[in-house]
Amino acid sequence: MSAIALTPKIIDRLKSLASDRVATDNEDFEAYSWCGGNADDAVDLGVNCGYTDLARELCDALGIGYEIEAEDNE
C-alpha cells in the first residue's frame, strides 16, 4: 500500500469542503421536509452532505482544523 501525499492543495480543498454549512448541520433538519419528496433534491442533498461529511471525517482524523460557516441569520 502506498501513502498519499497531503499537498497544500489537497489540504485546502478538504478544509473548504469541511467548512461548508450543509442542511444536516441544522439540529431541526428533517430530510423529507427539505426535499419535499423530490428525488432529485434528495440525491443532491445526499451528495453535497456526503462530500462535506467525508471531508470533516478526514480532517478530524488527520488533525486538520476547519470552521463551519456561520448560519445566514447569525
C-alpha atoms as a PDB file:
ATOM      1  CA  MET A   1       0.000   0.000   0.000  1.00  0.00           C
ATOM      2  CA  SER A   2       1.405   3.388  -0.926  1.00  0.00           C
ATOM      3  CA  ALA A   3       0.949   6.594   1.035  1.00  0.00           C
ATOM      4  CA  ILE A   4      -0.836   9.640  -0.318  1.00  0.00           C
ATOM      5  CA  ALA A   5       0.983  12.944  -0.010  1.00  0.00           C
ATOM      6  CA  LEU A   6      -1.143  15.656   1.554  1.00  0.00           C
ATOM      7  CA  THR A   7      -0.256  18.600  -0.622  1.00  0.00           C
ATOM      8  CA  PRO A   8      -1.336  22.122   0.335  1.00  0.00           C
ATOM      9  CA  LYS A   9      -3.893  21.952  -2.497  1.00  0.00           C
ATOM     10  CA  ILE A  10      -5.491  18.795  -1.045  1.00  0.00           C
ATOM     11  CA  ILE A  11      -5.499  20.227   2.481  1.00  0.00           C
ATOM     12  CA  ASP A  12      -7.114  23.472   1.265  1.00  0.00           C
ATOM     13  CA  ARG A  13      -9.799  21.503  -0.605  1.00  0.00           C
ATOM     14  CA  LEU A  14     -10.567  19.364   2.461  1.00  0.00           C
ATOM     15  CA  LYS A  15     -10.799  22.472   4.667  1.00  0.00           C
ATOM     16  CA  SER A  16     -13.065  24.183   2.151  1.00  0.00           C
ATOM     17  CA  LEU A  17     -15.432  21.211   1.889  1.00  0.00           C
ATOM     18  CA  ALA A  18     -15.431  20.609   5.652  1.00  0.00           C
ATOM     19  CA  SER A  19     -16.269  24.258   6.330  1.00  0.00           C
ATOM     20  CA  ASP A  20     -19.355  24.315   4.113  1.00  0.00           C
ATOM     21  CA  ARG A  21     -22.630  24.628   6.022  1.00  0.00           C
ATOM     22  CA  VAL A  22     -24.998  21.915   4.820  1.00  0.00           C
ATOM     23  CA  ALA A  23     -28.644  21.185   5.564  1.00  0.00           C
ATOM     24  CA  THR A  24     -27.813  18.447   8.063  1.00  0.00           C
ATOM     25  CA  ASP A  25     -25.924  20.959  10.255  1.00  0.00           C
ATOM     26  CA  ASN A  26     -29.301  22.259  11.421  1.00  0.00           C
ATOM     27  CA  GLU A  27     -30.385  20.375  14.551  1.00  0.00           C
ATOM     28  CA  ASP A  28     -34.020  20.581  13.354  1.00  0.00           C
ATOM     29  CA  PHE A  29     -33.156  19.024   9.975  1.00  0.00           C
ATOM     30  CA  GLU A  30     -35.766  16.623   8.601  1.00  0.00           C
ATOM     31  CA  ALA A  31     -34.902  15.103   5.231  1.00  0.00           C
ATOM     32  CA  TYR A  32     -38.412  14.751   3.819  1.00  0.00           C
ATOM     33  CA  SER A  33     -39.308  18.342   4.654  1.00  0.00           C
ATOM     34  CA  TRP A  34     -36.130  19.522   2.983  1.00  0.00           C
ATOM     35  CA  CYS A  35     -36.641  17.658  -0.289  1.00  0.00           C
ATOM     36  CA  GLY A  36     -40.444  17.610  -0.286  1.00  0.00           C
ATOM     37  CA  GLY A  37     -40.488  14.164  -1.854  1.00  0.00           C
ATOM     38  CA  ASN A  38     -38.480  15.302  -4.881  1.00  0.00           C
ATOM     39  CA  ALA A  39     -35.987  12.545  -5.688  1.00  0.00           C
ATOM     40  CA  ASP A  40     -33.568  14.899  -7.470  1.00  0.00           C
ATOM     41  CA  ASP A  41     -33.413  17.176  -4.431  1.00  0.00           C
ATOM     42  CA  ALA A  42     -32.898  14.185  -2.137  1.00  0.00           C
ATOM     43  CA  VAL A  43     -29.992  12.903  -4.256  1.00  0.00           C
ATOM     44  CA  ASP A  44     -28.447  16.386  -4.428  1.00  0.00           C
ATOM     45  CA  LEU A  45     -28.718  16.711  -0.644  1.00  0.00           C
ATOM     46  CA  GLY A  46     -27.099  13.323  -0.101  1.00  0.00           C
ATOM     47  CA  VAL A  47     -24.216  14.045  -2.444  1.00  0.00           C
ATOM     48  CA  ASN A  48     -23.477  17.504  -1.034  1.00  0.00           C
ATOM     49  CA  CYS A  49     -23.778  16.434   2.597  1.00  0.00           C
ATOM     50  CA  GLY A  50     -21.750  13.305   1.840  1.00  0.00           C
ATOM     51  CA  TYR A  51     -18.811  15.289   0.448  1.00  0.00           C
ATOM     52  CA  THR A  52     -18.886  17.584   3.457  1.00  0.00           C
ATOM     53  CA  ASP A  53     -19.223  14.766   5.985  1.00  0.00           C
ATOM     54  CA  LEU A  54     -16.337  12.832   4.433  1.00  0.00           C
ATOM     55  CA  ALA A  55     -14.122  15.924   4.363  1.00  0.00           C
ATOM     56  CA  ARG A  56     -14.896  16.547   8.052  1.00  0.00           C
ATOM     57  CA  GLU A  57     -14.087  12.943   8.954  1.00  0.00           C
ATOM     58  CA  LEU A  58     -10.783  13.125   7.088  1.00  0.00           C
ATOM     59  CA  CYS A  59      -9.859  16.480   8.633  1.00  0.00           C
ATOM     60  CA  ASP A  60     -10.673  15.165  12.107  1.00  0.00           C
ATOM     61  CA  ALA A  61      -8.635  12.005  11.547  1.00  0.00           C
ATOM     62  CA  LEU A  62      -5.672  13.922  10.151  1.00  0.00           C
ATOM     63  CA  GLY A  63      -5.761  16.766  12.674  1.00  0.00           C
ATOM     64  CA  ILE A  64      -6.626  19.400  10.074  1.00  0.00           C
ATOM     65  CA  GLY A  65      -8.601  22.259  11.580  1.00  0.00           C
ATOM     66  CA  TYR A  66     -11.672  23.788   9.953  1.00  0.00           C
ATOM     67  CA  GLU A  67     -14.547  26.045  10.992  1.00  0.00           C
ATOM     68  CA  ILE A  68     -18.111  25.509   9.813  1.00  0.00           C
ATOM     69  CA  GLU A  69     -19.581  28.597   8.136  1.00  0.00           C
ATOM     70  CA  ALA A  70     -21.975  30.634  10.269  1.00  0.00           C
ATOM     71  CA  GLU A  71     -25.690  30.462   9.504  1.00  0.00           C
ATOM     72  CA  ASP A  72     -27.091  33.350   7.461  1.00  0.00           C
ATOM     73  CA  ASN A  73     -29.170  34.566  10.409  1.00  0.00           C
ATOM     74  CA  GLU A  74     -26.246  34.716  12.861  1.00  0.00           C
END
